[in-house]
Amino acid sequence: MAIPNFQQCMLPVLVFLSDNEEHTNIEIVNYVSDLFKLTEEERKVRILSGLQNLIYSRVYWAKTYLKKALLIDQPARSINVISIRGKEVLRDNPKVIDVKFLMKFKEFQAYHRQVKNDQVDKPDVNKSEFTQDRTPLELINEGVRNYQANISDDILELVKQNSPSFFEKIVVELLVRMGYGGSYSEAASVVGKSGDGGIDGVIKEDRLGLDTIFVQAKRWEGNVGSKELQSFVGALASKKSKKGVFITTSDFTKAAFDYSKSIDHNIVLIDGEKLANLMVEYNLGVSVQQTIELKHIDYDYFEQ
């Protein structure tokens, strides 16, 4: 039997998790491999980069899409369990679960729009996720955006699962990589003093220390409101500064955004999604898995 594509893996993955037990990624891959009666050779087939088995890659993406539709949960790294919504879906005994099926859930629609880089046109759910109406370069770019979006989501979950002290370390390293705070030791000496799950500090805006920026970060589940920002502005006043960065692992309320725009302070709000994206952009907690060279014709060469 041929190796199933990632959409063909979706229903089997959900069915396997329907026992309400926690299962590892390897357990799911083994189940799907057995279900489709893959030979030992087929189980060992690798993706083009050679870094991962093809069936593992396809099950991973099936699992990722189910997670975006809130059909499964990941209570810990590499641990998977069916959600209440997932159980409800299986009670309807669907014959197939694919991208078109998942588009009925607003959370997956939002994810799909994000992957499409906020395109104005609605995605055509009647077409395959990997439709042929785009150029190869467009498909590559879309695939990279897709992959990056999933990496960012996974990073944010790991940040939330780690300790407050580790969160402090992340914030310090990120600010230094972005060019703030001077050296790591300098930034670390002034950031992370509160010990209450959030962090405060004043860091250098540049390596010469010509100006300073007040930083506050909160590893929260609930959204940050205007009240917290008002307290932050008060802290800025005590430091005689009008520049600040407020970082949270969750999100900001509309009132918080409106308040930040109504004051004469220069406050940058970084929510969980932006934090994860910045970590990817500045290679914090990630490493390069594969480098692909895209080549084009050098027409000048042929005009000599």
C-alpha atoms as a PDB file:
ATOM      1  CA  MET A   1       0.000   0.000   0.000  1.00  0.00           C
ATOM      2  CA  ALA A   2       1.303   3.468  -0.900  1.00  0.00           C
ATOM      3  CA  ILE A   3       2.432   5.875   1.806  1.00  0.00           C
ATOM      4  CA  PRO A   4      -0.628   8.014   2.718  1.00  0.00           C
ATOM      5  CA  ASN A   5      -0.519  11.771   2.230  1.00  0.00           C
ATOM      6  CA  PHE A   6      -0.928  14.009   5.248  1.00  0.00           C
ATOM      7  CA  GLN A   7      -4.671  14.496   4.721  1.00  0.00           C
ATOM      8  CA  GLN A   8      -5.249  10.747   4.578  1.00  0.00           C
ATOM      9  CA  CYS A   9      -3.531  10.511   7.959  1.00  0.00           C
ATOM     10  CA  MET A  10      -5.915  12.922   9.707  1.00  0.00           C
ATOM     11  CA  LEU A  11      -8.838  10.604  10.450  1.00  0.00           C
ATOM     12  CA  PRO A  12      -6.645   7.676  11.545  1.00  0.00           C
ATOM     13  CA  VAL A  13      -4.747   9.955  13.933  1.00  0.00           C
ATOM     14  CA  LEU A  14      -7.973  11.168  15.517  1.00  0.00           C
ATOM     15  CA  VAL A  15      -9.379   7.643  15.744  1.00  0.00           C
ATOM     16  CA  PHE A  16      -6.199   6.404  17.434  1.00  0.00           C
ATOM     17  CA  LEU A  17      -6.474   9.156  20.055  1.00  0.00           C
ATOM     18  CA  SER A  18     -10.144   8.372  20.716  1.00  0.00           C
ATOM     19  CA  ASP A  19      -9.175   6.026  23.563  1.00  0.00           C
ATOM     20  CA  ASN A  20      -8.728   9.194  25.703  1.00  0.00           C
ATOM     21  CA  GLU A  21      -5.175   8.179  26.567  1.00  0.00           C
ATOM     22  CA  GLU A  22      -2.055  10.276  26.067  1.00  0.00           C
ATOM     23  CA  HIS A  23       0.068   9.077  23.148  1.00  0.00           C
ATOM     24  CA  THR A  24       3.505  10.030  21.901  1.00  0.00           C
ATOM     25  CA  ASN A  25       4.287  11.020  18.326  1.00  0.00           C
ATOM     26  CA  ILE A  26       6.052   7.715  17.718  1.00  0.00           C
ATOM     27  CA  GLU A  27       3.039   5.736  18.900  1.00  0.00           C
ATOM     28  CA  ILE A  28       0.829   7.608  16.438  1.00  0.00           C
ATOM     29  CA  VAL A  29       3.269   7.102  13.566  1.00  0.00           C
ATOM     30  CA  ASN A  30       3.492   3.381  14.307  1.00  0.00           C
ATOM     31  CA  TYR A  31      -0.309   3.089  14.396  1.00  0.00           C
ATOM     32  CA  VAL A  32      -0.752   4.861  11.060  1.00  0.00           C
ATOM     33  CA  SER A  33       2.061   2.811   9.511  1.00  0.00           C
ATOM     34  CA  ASP A  34       0.430  -0.413  10.673  1.00  0.00           C
ATOM     35  CA  LEU A  35      -3.021   0.713   9.553  1.00  0.00           C
ATOM     36  CA  PHE A  36      -1.811   1.397   6.007  1.00  0.00           C
ATOM     37  CA  LYS A  37       0.266  -1.793   6.066  1.00  0.00           C
ATOM     38  CA  LEU A  38       3.497  -0.006   5.185  1.00  0.00           C
ATOM     39  CA  THR A  39       6.482  -2.196   4.516  1.00  0.00           C
ATOM     40  CA  GLU A  40       9.778  -1.726   6.336  1.00  0.00           C
ATOM     41  CA  GLU A  41      11.155  -0.068   3.223  1.00  0.00           C
ATOM     42  CA  GLU A  42       8.220   2.373   3.052  1.00  0.00           C
ATOM     43  CA  ARG A  43       8.615   3.237   6.728  1.00  0.00           C
ATOM     44  CA  LYS A  44      12.247   4.130   6.115  1.00  0.00           C
ATOM     45  CA  VAL A  45      11.622   6.388   3.102  1.00  0.00           C
ATOM     46  CA  ARG A  46      12.908   9.858   3.911  1.00  0.00           C
ATOM     47  CA  ILE A  47      11.931  13.332   2.747  1.00  0.00           C
ATOM     48  CA  LEU A  48      14.137  15.105   0.231  1.00  0.00           C
ATOM     49  CA  SER A  49      16.416  16.615   2.884  1.00  0.00           C
ATOM     50  CA  GLY A  50      16.981  13.157   4.355  1.00  0.00           C
ATOM     51  CA  LEU A  51      16.452  14.491   7.872  1.00  0.00           C
ATOM     52  CA  GLN A  52      13.106  12.836   8.592  1.00  0.00           C
ATOM     53  CA  ASN A  53      11.067   9.797   7.594  1.00  0.00           C
ATOM     54  CA  LEU A  54       8.333  10.625   5.091  1.00  0.00           C
ATOM     55  CA  ILE A  55       5.564   8.934   7.074  1.00  0.00           C
ATOM     56  CA  TYR A  56       6.652  10.755  10.250  1.00  0.00           C
ATOM     57  CA  SER A  57       6.572  14.070   8.392  1.00  0.00           C
ATOM     58  CA  ARG A  58       3.086  13.419   7.023  1.00  0.00           C
ATOM     59  CA  VAL A  59       1.681  12.302  10.364  1.00  0.00           C
ATOM     60  CA  TYR A  60       3.240  15.385  11.970  1.00  0.00           C
ATOM     61  CA  TRP A  61       1.443  17.697   9.553  1.00  0.00           C
ATOM     62  CA  ALA A  62      -1.824  15.785   9.933  1.00  0.00           C
ATOM     63  CA  LYS A  63      -1.495  16.172  13.689  1.00  0.00           C
ATOM     64  CA  THR A  64      -0.638  19.853  13.340  1.00  0.00           C
ATOM     65  CA  TYR A  65      -3.731  20.579  11.259  1.00  0.00           C
ATOM     66  CA  LEU A  66      -5.965  18.688  13.697  1.00  0.00           C
ATOM     67  CA  LYS A  67      -4.486  20.750  16.491  1.00  0.00           C
ATOM     68  CA  LYS A  68      -5.173  24.010  14.636  1.00  0.00           C
ATOM     69  CA  ALA A  69      -8.819  22.948  14.368  1.00  0.00           C
ATOM     70  CA  LEU A  70      -8.799  22.178  18.128  1.00  0.00           C
ATOM     71  CA  LEU A  71      -9.565  18.506  17.547  1.00  0.00           C
ATOM     72  CA  ILE A  72      -6.537  17.397  19.547  1.00  0.00           C
ATOM     73  CA  ASP A  73      -4.493  18.889  22.397  1.00  0.00           C
ATOM     74  CA  GLN A  74      -0.828  18.680  23.365  1.00  0.00           C
ATOM     75  CA  PRO A  75      -0.559  18.864  27.160  1.00  0.00           C
ATOM     76  CA  ALA A  76       3.205  18.415  26.935  1.00  0.00           C
ATOM     77  CA  ARG A  77       5.932  18.182  24.335  1.00  0.00           C
ATOM     78  CA  SER A  78       5.369  15.238  21.956  1.00  0.00           C
ATOM     79  CA  ILE A  79       2.282  14.183  23.940  1.00  0.00           C
ATOM     80  CA  ASN A  80      -1.106  14.122  22.207  1.00  0.00           C
ATOM     81  CA  VAL A  81      -4.673  13.623  23.396  1.00  0.00           C
ATOM     82  CA  ILE A  82      -8.082  13.993  21.760  1.00  0.00           C
ATOM     83  CA  SER A  83     -10.095  17.109  22.673  1.00  0.00           C
ATOM     84  CA  ILE A  84     -13.796  17.430  23.473  1.00  0.00           C
ATOM     85  CA  ARG A  85     -14.340  18.785  19.964  1.00  0.00           C
ATOM     86  CA  GLY A  86     -12.438  15.844  18.514  1.00  0.00           C
ATOM     87  CA  LYS A  87     -14.736  13.418  20.313  1.00  0.00           C
ATOM     88  CA  GLU A  88     -17.777  15.283  18.976  1.00  0.00           C
ATOM     89  CA  VAL A  89     -16.427  15.028  15.431  1.00  0.00           C
ATOM     90  CA  LEU A  90     -15.920  11.274  15.704  1.00  0.00           C
ATOM     91  CA  ARG A  91     -19.450  10.796  17.065  1.00  0.00           C
ATOM     92  CA  ASP A  92     -20.703  11.982  13.668  1.00  0.00           C
ATOM     93  CA  ASN A  93     -18.697   9.143  12.095  1.00  0.00           C
ATOM     94  CA  PRO A  94     -17.050  11.174   9.291  1.00  0.00           C
ATOM     95  CA  LYS A  95     -15.856   9.211   6.271  1.00  0.00           C
ATOM     96  CA  VAL A  96     -12.930  11.544   5.752  1.00  0.00           C
ATOM     97  CA  ILE A  97     -11.185  14.395   7.536  1.00  0.00           C
ATOM     98  CA  ASP A  98      -9.176  16.709   5.318  1.00  0.00           C
ATOM     99  CA  VAL A  99      -8.432  20.417   4.882  1.00  0.00           C
ATOM    100  CA  LYS A 100     -11.879  21.060   3.420  1.00  0.00           C
ATOM    101  CA  PHE A 101     -13.489  19.365   6.436  1.00  0.00           C
ATOM    102  CA  LEU A 102     -11.399  21.374   8.904  1.00  0.00           C
ATOM    103  CA  MET A 103     -12.418  24.641   7.262  1.00  0.00           C
ATOM    104  CA  LYS A 104     -15.766  24.401   9.083  1.00  0.00           C
ATOM    105  CA  PHE A 105     -13.972  25.444  12.280  1.00  0.00           C
ATOM    106  CA  LYS A 106     -13.309  29.166  12.727  1.00  0.00           C
ATOM    107  CA  GLU A 107      -9.994  28.534  14.498  1.00  0.00           C
ATOM    108  CA  PHE A 108      -8.697  26.603  11.508  1.00  0.00           C
ATOM    109  CA  GLN A 109     -10.002  29.289   9.136  1.00  0.00           C
ATOM    110  CA  ALA A 110      -8.019  31.885  11.092  1.00  0.00           C
ATOM    111  CA  TYR A 111      -4.902  29.718  10.907  1.00  0.00           C
ATOM    112  CA  HIS A 112      -5.427  29.156   7.186  1.00  0.00           C
ATOM    113  CA  ARG A 113      -5.675  32.907   6.583  1.00  0.00           C
ATOM    114  CA  GLN A 114      -2.496  33.460   8.554  1.00  0.00           C
ATOM    115  CA  VAL A 115      -0.646  30.891   6.486  1.00  0.00           C
ATOM    116  CA  LYS A 116      -1.927  32.518   3.310  1.00  0.00           C
ATOM    117  CA  ASN A 117      -0.316  35.726   4.566  1.00  0.00           C
ATOM    118  CA  ASP A 118      -3.670  37.444   5.071  1.00  0.00           C
ATOM    119  CA  GLN A 119      -4.686  37.247   1.419  1.00  0.00           C
ATOM    120  CA  VAL A 120      -7.857  39.191   0.583  1.00  0.00           C
ATOM    121  CA  ASP A 121      -9.455  36.368  -1.395  1.00  0.00           C
ATOM    122  CA  LYS A 122     -11.058  33.544   0.539  1.00  0.00           C
ATOM    123  CA  PRO A 123      -9.222  30.222   0.247  1.00  0.00           C
ATOM    124  CA  ASP A 124     -10.791  27.855  -2.248  1.00  0.00           C
ATOM    125  CA  VAL A 125     -11.605  24.881  -0.023  1.00  0.00           C
ATOM    126  CA  ASN A 126     -12.667  22.810  -3.029  1.00  0.00           C
ATOM    127  CA  LYS A 127      -9.058  22.603  -4.139  1.00  0.00           C
ATOM    128  CA  SER A 128      -6.253  20.625  -2.620  1.00  0.00           C
ATOM    129  CA  GLU A 129      -4.079  22.403  -0.070  1.00  0.00           C
ATOM    130  CA  PHE A 130      -1.284  22.022  -2.579  1.00  0.00           C
ATOM    131  CA  THR A 131      -3.121  23.270  -5.644  1.00  0.00           C
ATOM    132  CA  GLN A 132      -1.456  23.556  -9.017  1.00  0.00           C
ATOM    133  CA  ASP A 133      -2.680  27.053  -9.903  1.00  0.00           C
ATOM    134  CA  ARG A 134       0.418  28.690  -8.414  1.00  0.00           C
ATOM    135  CA  THR A 135       3.985  28.827  -9.669  1.00  0.00           C
ATOM    136  CA  PRO A 136       6.652  26.612  -8.059  1.00  0.00           C
ATOM    137  CA  LEU A 137       8.189  29.674  -6.392  1.00  0.00           C
ATOM    138  CA  GLU A 138       4.810  30.661  -4.939  1.00  0.00           C
ATOM    139  CA  LEU A 139       4.363  27.139  -3.578  1.00  0.00           C
ATOM    140  CA  ILE A 140       7.810  27.269  -1.988  1.00  0.00           C
ATOM    141  CA  ASN A 141       7.116  30.636  -0.359  1.00  0.00           C
ATOM    142  CA  GLU A 142       3.725  29.453   0.886  1.00  0.00           C
ATOM    143  CA  GLY A 143       5.274  26.284   2.248  1.00  0.00           C
ATOM    144  CA  VAL A 144       7.897  28.292   4.133  1.00  0.00           C
ATOM    145  CA  ARG A 145       5.208  30.545   5.647  1.00  0.00           C
ATOM    146  CA  ASN A 146       3.223  27.456   6.604  1.00  0.00           C
ATOM    147  CA  TYR A 147       6.213  25.840   8.251  1.00  0.00           C
ATOM    148  CA  GLN A 148       7.248  29.030  10.055  1.00  0.00           C
ATOM    149  CA  ALA A 149       3.731  29.542  11.428  1.00  0.00           C
ATOM    150  CA  ASN A 150       3.750  26.073  12.964  1.00  0.00           C
ATOM    151  CA  ILE A 151       7.239  26.524  14.388  1.00  0.00           C
ATOM    152  CA  SER A 152       6.131  29.796  16.038  1.00  0.00           C
ATOM    153  CA  ASP A 153       3.075  28.142  17.589  1.00  0.00           C
ATOM    154  CA  ASP A 154       5.168  25.293  18.977  1.00  0.00           C
ATOM    155  CA  ILE A 155       7.725  27.736  20.373  1.00  0.00           C
ATOM    156  CA  LEU A 156       5.049  29.703  22.215  1.00  0.00           C
ATOM    157  CA  GLU A 157       3.711  26.525  23.820  1.00  0.00           C
ATOM    158  CA  LEU A 158       7.205  25.599  25.003  1.00  0.00           C
ATOM    159  CA  VAL A 159       7.711  29.088  26.434  1.00  0.00           C
ATOM    160  CA  LYS A 160       4.484  28.795  28.417  1.00  0.00           C
ATOM    161  CA  GLN A 161       5.402  25.331  29.691  1.00  0.00           C
ATOM    162  CA  ASN A 162       8.795  26.421  31.029  1.00  0.00           C
ATOM    163  CA  SER A 163       9.609  28.158  34.297  1.00  0.00           C
ATOM    164  CA  PRO A 164       9.434  31.926  34.944  1.00  0.00           C
ATOM    165  CA  SER A 165      13.233  32.030  35.245  1.00  0.00           C
ATOM    166  CA  PHE A 166      13.560  30.454  31.808  1.00  0.00           C
ATOM    167  CA  PHE A 167      11.144  33.063  30.445  1.00  0.00           C
ATOM    168  CA  GLU A 168      13.415  35.766  31.894  1.00  0.00           C
ATOM    169  CA  LYS A 169      16.356  34.163  30.101  1.00  0.00           C
ATOM    170  CA  ILE A 170      14.425  34.164  26.803  1.00  0.00           C
ATOM    171  CA  VAL A 171      13.537  37.847  27.084  1.00  0.00           C
ATOM    172  CA  VAL A 172      17.104  38.851  27.912  1.00  0.00           C
ATOM    173  CA  GLU A 173      18.593  36.821  25.055  1.00  0.00           C
ATOM    174  CA  LEU A 174      16.019  38.080  22.565  1.00  0.00           C
ATOM    175  CA  LEU A 175      16.593  41.731  23.445  1.00  0.00           C
ATOM    176  CA  VAL A 176      20.350  41.325  23.135  1.00  0.00           C
ATOM    177  CA  ARG A 177      20.031  39.569  19.761  1.00  0.00           C
ATOM    178  CA  MET A 178      17.832  42.421  18.578  1.00  0.00           C
ATOM    179  CA  GLY A 179      20.610  44.862  19.479  1.00  0.00           C
ATOM    180  CA  TYR A 180      19.369  46.121  22.850  1.00  0.00           C
ATOM    181  CA  GLY A 181      20.779  45.866  26.349  1.00  0.00           C
ATOM    182  CA  GLY A 182      24.472  45.852  25.457  1.00  0.00           C
ATOM    183  CA  SER A 183      26.002  42.444  26.208  1.00  0.00           C
ATOM    184  CA  TYR A 184      24.110  39.483  27.630  1.00  0.00           C
ATOM    185  CA  SER A 185      25.700  39.899  31.064  1.00  0.00           C
ATOM    186  CA  GLU A 186      24.822  43.611  31.114  1.00  0.00           C
ATOM    187  CA  ALA A 187      21.211  42.983  30.159  1.00  0.00           C
ATOM    188  CA  ALA A 188      20.868  40.090  32.597  1.00  0.00           C
ATOM    189  CA  SER A 189      22.087  42.261  35.468  1.00  0.00           C
ATOM    190  CA  VAL A 190      19.157  44.669  35.140  1.00  0.00           C
ATOM    191  CA  VAL A 191      16.380  42.367  33.930  1.00  0.00           C
ATOM    192  CA  GLY A 192      14.596  39.790  36.058  1.00  0.00           C
ATOM    193  CA  LYS A 193      14.395  41.368  39.479  1.00  0.00           C
ATOM    194  CA  SER A 194      10.725  40.939  40.422  1.00  0.00           C
ATOM    195  CA  GLY A 195      10.631  37.162  40.927  1.00  0.00           C
ATOM    196  CA  ASP A 196       6.843  37.036  40.587  1.00  0.00           C
ATOM    197  CA  GLY A 197       6.537  35.336  37.216  1.00  0.00           C
ATOM    198  CA  GLY A 198       6.958  38.622  35.344  1.00  0.00           C
ATOM    199  CA  ILE A 199      10.140  40.627  34.905  1.00  0.00           C
ATOM    200  CA  ASP A 200      11.085  44.305  35.038  1.00  0.00           C
ATOM    201  CA  GLY A 201      14.199  46.222  34.199  1.00  0.00           C
ATOM    202  CA  VAL A 202      15.858  49.105  32.420  1.00  0.00           C
ATOM    203  CA  ILE A 203      18.157  48.179  29.545  1.00  0.00           C
ATOM    204  CA  LYS A 204      20.349  50.096  27.142  1.00  0.00           C
ATOM    205  CA  GLU A 205      18.691  51.107  23.881  1.00  0.00           C
ATOM    206  CA  ASP A 206      22.063  50.686  22.150  1.00  0.00           C
ATOM    207  CA  ARG A 207      25.475  49.324  23.019  1.00  0.00           C
ATOM    208  CA  LEU A 208      26.747  52.792  23.913  1.00  0.00           C
ATOM    209  CA  GLY A 209      23.974  53.319  26.432  1.00  0.00           C
ATOM    210  CA  LEU A 210      22.863  56.653  24.933  1.00  0.00           C
ATOM    211  CA  ASP A 211      19.297  55.944  26.061  1.00  0.00           C
ATOM    212  CA  THR A 212      17.427  53.387  28.098  1.00  0.00           C
ATOM    213  CA  ILE A 213      14.283  51.337  27.648  1.00  0.00           C
ATOM    214  CA  PHE A 214      12.072  50.063  30.460  1.00  0.00           C
ATOM    215  CA  VAL A 215      10.995  46.439  30.041  1.00  0.00           C
ATOM    216  CA  GLN A 216       8.169  44.497  31.601  1.00  0.00           C
ATOM    217  CA  ALA A 217       7.170  40.970  30.676  1.00  0.00           C
ATOM    218  CA  LYS A 218       4.396  38.774  32.013  1.00  0.00           C
ATOM    219  CA  ARG A 219       4.047  35.052  31.410  1.00  0.00           C
ATOM    220  CA  TRP A 220       0.248  35.200  31.579  1.00  0.00           C
ATOM    221  CA  GLU A 221      -2.591  33.109  30.255  1.00  0.00           C
ATOM    222  CA  GLY A 222      -5.142  35.924  30.458  1.00  0.00           C
ATOM    223  CA  ASN A 223      -4.948  38.983  28.218  1.00  0.00           C
ATOM    224  CA  VAL A 224      -3.189  42.117  29.433  1.00  0.00           C
ATOM    225  CA  GLY A 225      -5.569  45.050  29.877  1.00  0.00           C
ATOM    226  CA  SER A 226      -5.254  48.818  30.099  1.00  0.00           C
ATOM    227  CA  LYS A 227      -4.890  48.683  33.893  1.00  0.00           C
ATOM    228  CA  GLU A 228      -1.583  46.817  33.596  1.00  0.00           C
ATOM    229  CA  LEU A 229      -0.349  49.274  30.987  1.00  0.00           C
ATOM    230  CA  GLN A 230      -1.262  52.214  33.214  1.00  0.00           C
ATOM    231  CA  SER A 231       0.871  50.708  35.968  1.00  0.00           C
ATOM    232  CA  PHE A 232       3.645  50.240  33.426  1.00  0.00           C
ATOM    233  CA  VAL A 233       3.474  53.905  32.444  1.00  0.00           C
ATOM    234  CA  GLY A 234       3.740  54.789  36.113  1.00  0.00           C
ATOM    235  CA  ALA A 235       6.900  52.715  36.336  1.00  0.00           C
ATOM    236  CA  LEU A 236       8.261  54.549  33.307  1.00  0.00           C
ATOM    237  CA  ALA A 237       7.650  57.884  35.041  1.00  0.00           C
ATOM    238  CA  SER A 238       9.621  56.727  38.064  1.00  0.00           C
ATOM    239  CA  LYS A 239      12.537  55.965  35.735  1.00  0.00           C
ATOM    240  CA  LYS A 240      12.134  59.291  33.925  1.00  0.00           C
ATOM    241  CA  SER A 241      11.688  57.431  30.664  1.00  0.00           C
ATOM    242  CA  LYS A 242       9.063  57.472  27.920  1.00  0.00           C
ATOM    243  CA  LYS A 243      10.261  54.371  26.124  1.00  0.00           C
ATOM    244  CA  GLY A 244       9.105  50.912  27.068  1.00  0.00           C
ATOM    245  CA  VAL A 245       8.535  47.363  25.874  1.00  0.00           C
ATOM    246  CA  PHE A 246       5.730  45.263  27.345  1.00  0.00           C
ATOM    247  CA  ILE A 247       5.992  41.546  26.565  1.00  0.00           C
ATOM    248  CA  THR A 248       3.361  38.921  27.320  1.00  0.00           C
ATOM    249  CA  THR A 249       2.926  35.277  26.394  1.00  0.00           C
ATOM    250  CA  SER A 250      -0.803  35.886  25.887  1.00  0.00           C
ATOM    251  CA  ASP A 251      -2.380  38.899  24.170  1.00  0.00           C
ATOM    252  CA  PHE A 252      -3.476  42.489  24.788  1.00  0.00           C
ATOM    253  CA  THR A 253      -7.054  43.661  25.012  1.00  0.00           C
ATOM    254  CA  LYS A 254      -8.372  46.279  22.593  1.00  0.00           C
ATOM    255  CA  ALA A 255      -8.527  48.715  25.514  1.00  0.00           C
ATOM    256  CA  ALA A 256      -4.817  48.149  26.128  1.00  0.00           C
ATOM    257  CA  PHE A 257      -3.959  48.865  22.486  1.00  0.00           C
ATOM    258  CA  ASP A 258      -6.138  51.969  22.488  1.00  0.00           C
ATOM    259  CA  TYR A 259      -4.512  53.221  25.691  1.00  0.00           C
ATOM    260  CA  SER A 260      -0.985  52.710  24.311  1.00  0.00           C
ATOM    261  CA  LYS A 261      -1.882  54.881  21.314  1.00  0.00           C
ATOM    262  CA  SER A 262      -3.484  57.643  23.397  1.00  0.00           C
ATOM    263  CA  ILE A 263      -0.437  58.499  25.511  1.00  0.00           C
ATOM    264  CA  ASP A 264       2.711  60.382  24.597  1.00  0.00           C
ATOM    265  CA  HIS A 265       4.935  57.470  25.605  1.00  0.00           C
ATOM    266  CA  ASN A 266       6.575  55.236  23.020  1.00  0.00           C
ATOM    267  CA  ILE A 267       5.427  51.798  24.182  1.00  0.00           C
ATOM    268  CA  VAL A 268       5.907  48.673  22.079  1.00  0.00           C
ATOM    269  CA  LEU A 269       3.477  45.829  22.816  1.00  0.00           C
ATOM    270  CA  ILE A 270       4.720  42.311  22.075  1.00  0.00           C
ATOM    271  CA  ASP A 271       2.121  39.552  22.423  1.00  0.00           C
ATOM    272  CA  GLY A 272       2.790  35.826  22.488  1.00  0.00           C
ATOM    273  CA  GLU A 273       2.514  35.387  18.725  1.00  0.00           C
ATOM    274  CA  LYS A 274       4.916  38.252  18.006  1.00  0.00           C
ATOM    275  CA  LEU A 275       7.317  36.998  20.679  1.00  0.00           C
ATOM    276  CA  ALA A 276       7.454  33.574  19.035  1.00  0.00           C
ATOM    277  CA  ASN A 277       7.894  35.114  15.577  1.00  0.00           C
ATOM    278  CA  LEU A 278      10.778  37.254  16.836  1.00  0.00           C
ATOM    279  CA  MET A 279      12.422  34.189  18.361  1.00  0.00           C
ATOM    280  CA  VAL A 280      12.259  32.478  14.965  1.00  0.00           C
ATOM    281  CA  GLU A 281      13.494  35.594  13.147  1.00  0.00           C
ATOM    282  CA  TYR A 282      16.478  36.016  15.475  1.00  0.00           C
ATOM    283  CA  ASN A 283      17.232  32.268  15.696  1.00  0.00           C
ATOM    284  CA  LEU A 284      16.496  31.964  19.395  1.00  0.00           C
ATOM    285  CA  GLY A 285      15.528  28.425  20.349  1.00  0.00           C
ATOM    286  CA  VAL A 286      15.607  27.331  16.704  1.00  0.00           C
ATOM    287  CA  SER A 287      18.266  26.120  14.313  1.00  0.00           C
ATOM    288  CA  VAL A 288      18.495  25.877  10.547  1.00  0.00           C
ATOM    289  CA  GLN A 289      17.256  22.461   9.476  1.00  0.00           C
ATOM    290  CA  GLN A 290      17.802  22.759   5.752  1.00  0.00           C
ATOM    291  CA  THR A 291      19.148  25.313   3.278  1.00  0.00           C
ATOM    292  CA  ILE A 292      17.736  25.303  -0.239  1.00  0.00           C
ATOM    293  CA  GLU A 293      19.379  27.149  -3.121  1.00  0.00           C
ATOM    294  CA  LEU A 294      16.979  28.701  -5.646  1.00  0.00           C
ATOM    295  CA  LYS A 295      18.803  29.405  -8.872  1.00  0.00           C
ATOM    296  CA  HIS A 296      17.819  31.514 -11.858  1.00  0.00           C
ATOM    297  CA  ILE A 297      19.324  31.921 -15.298  1.00  0.00           C
ATOM    298  CA  ASP A 298      22.160  34.427 -15.608  1.00  0.00           C
ATOM    299  CA  TYR A 299      21.104  35.932 -18.946  1.00  0.00           C
ATOM    300  CA  ASP A 300      24.170  38.213 -19.014  1.00  0.00           C
ATOM    301  CA  TYR A 301      26.306  35.097 -19.329  1.00  0.00           C
ATOM    302  CA  PHE A 302      24.626  34.143 -22.603  1.00  0.00           C
ATOM    303  CA  GLU A 303      24.910  37.639 -24.097  1.00  0.00           C
ATOM    304  CA  GLN A 304      28.689  37.728 -24.154  1.00  0.00           C
END
